[in-house]
Amino acid sequence: MHDPVALAGFVLCLLGGIGAVIKGRRGALTWWEREVYHMSARSNVKFGLFYLALAALFAITLLGVPLPSLILLAVAVVTGILYVSSFARGAGDE
């Protein structure tokens, strides 16, 4: 039976990674991203690639290699909170 934590982490990281890469390719940054958090379009792509790497680790876990999926999920969630806070904070202001 598959590890449900690994499956949830895989889906979360895959969708988050694809979304971040697409956001980075568009290049449209909010004022908060540019001025407060000093992000660039490249920063979004880097977050996306990090998330895709985490998705790959979750996929390896789903294939049967024993990795600590709960710790990987914790890393994904904390990183996601930091990433989303970089542009969500100013979403209501623009």
Protein backbone atom coordinates (compact mmCIF):
# COMPACT_ATOMS: atom_id res chain seq x y z
CA MET A 1 0.00 0.00 0.00
CA HIS A 2 1.22 3.47 -0.86
CA ASP A 3 2.15 5.96 1.81
CA PRO A 4 -0.68 8.56 1.90
CA VAL A 5 1.67 11.25 3.22
CA ALA A 6 4.01 10.68 0.27
CA LEU A 7 1.10 10.76 -2.16
CA ALA A 8 -0.21 14.03 -0.70
CA GLY A 9 3.29 15.51 -0.74
CA PHE A 10 3.85 14.44 -4.33
CA VAL A 11 0.64 16.10 -5.53
CA LEU A 12 1.27 19.24 -3.45
CA CYS A 13 4.85 19.63 -4.66
CA LEU A 14 4.07 18.80 -8.27
CA LEU A 15 1.27 21.37 -8.49
CA GLY A 16 3.23 23.96 -6.49
CA GLY A 17 6.34 23.47 -8.58
CA ILE A 18 4.51 23.78 -11.88
CA GLY A 19 2.65 26.85 -10.62
CA ALA A 20 5.84 28.57 -9.43
CA VAL A 21 7.66 27.87 -12.70
CA ILE A 22 4.72 29.25 -14.70
CA LYS A 23 4.59 32.34 -12.46
CA GLY A 24 8.32 32.85 -12.94
CA ARG A 25 8.07 32.48 -16.71
CA ARG A 26 5.35 35.13 -16.86
CA GLY A 27 7.65 37.57 -15.09
CA ALA A 28 4.82 39.71 -13.66
CA LEU A 29 5.83 40.61 -10.11
CA THR A 30 3.78 42.43 -7.51
CA TRP A 31 5.11 45.41 -5.63
CA TRP A 32 5.48 43.23 -2.51
CA GLU A 33 7.57 40.69 -4.39
CA ARG A 34 9.88 43.32 -5.86
CA GLU A 35 10.23 45.91 -3.11
CA VAL A 36 9.59 44.09 0.17
CA TYR A 37 10.82 40.54 -0.48
CA HIS A 38 13.36 41.43 -3.21
CA MET A 39 12.21 38.59 -5.44
CA SER A 40 12.64 38.31 -9.18
CA ALA A 41 11.05 36.14 -11.81
CA ARG A 42 14.07 33.89 -11.40
CA SER A 43 13.24 33.47 -7.70
CA ASN A 44 9.87 31.99 -8.63
CA VAL A 45 11.53 29.53 -11.00
CA LYS A 46 14.00 28.51 -8.28
CA PHE A 47 11.15 27.84 -5.85
CA GLY A 48 9.43 25.84 -8.57
CA LEU A 49 12.50 23.73 -9.25
CA PHE A 50 12.92 23.10 -5.52
CA TYR A 51 9.32 21.93 -5.33
CA LEU A 52 9.77 19.68 -8.36
CA ALA A 53 12.85 18.16 -6.70
CA LEU A 54 10.74 17.49 -3.58
CA ALA A 55 8.07 15.94 -5.82
CA ALA A 56 10.75 13.64 -7.22
CA LEU A 57 11.72 12.57 -3.69
CA PHE A 58 8.07 11.83 -2.91
CA ALA A 59 7.83 9.83 -6.14
CA ILE A 60 10.87 7.80 -5.09
CA THR A 61 9.17 7.17 -1.76
CA LEU A 62 6.04 5.99 -3.57
CA LEU A 63 8.20 3.54 -5.52
CA GLY A 64 9.22 1.88 -2.27
CA VAL A 65 12.44 3.55 -1.19
CA PRO A 66 12.13 4.28 2.53
CA LEU A 67 12.44 8.04 2.92
CA PRO A 68 10.98 10.08 5.81
CA SER A 69 7.87 11.31 4.01
CA LEU A 70 6.53 13.21 7.00
CA ILE A 71 9.73 15.25 7.29
CA LEU A 72 9.69 15.90 3.54
CA LEU A 73 6.08 17.06 3.82
CA ALA A 74 7.01 19.40 6.69
CA VAL A 75 9.80 20.91 4.56
CA ALA A 76 7.35 21.33 1.66
CA VAL A 77 4.72 23.02 3.84
CA VAL A 78 7.14 25.44 5.53
CA THR A 79 8.74 26.33 2.20
CA GLY A 80 5.30 26.78 0.66
CA ILE A 81 4.23 29.15 3.43
CA LEU A 82 7.35 31.25 2.96
CA TYR A 83 6.91 31.28 -0.81
CA VAL A 84 3.20 32.11 -0.84
CA SER A 85 3.64 34.84 1.77
CA SER A 86 6.02 36.60 -0.61
CA PHE A 87 3.21 37.56 -2.97
CA ALA A 88 -0.06 36.81 -1.19
CA ARG A 89 0.45 39.60 1.34
CA GLY A 90 0.16 42.28 -1.31
CA ALA A 91 -2.55 40.61 -3.38
CA GLY A 92 -5.29 42.70 -1.80
CA ASP A 93 -3.39 45.96 -2.30
CA GLU A 94 -3.04 45.72 -6.07
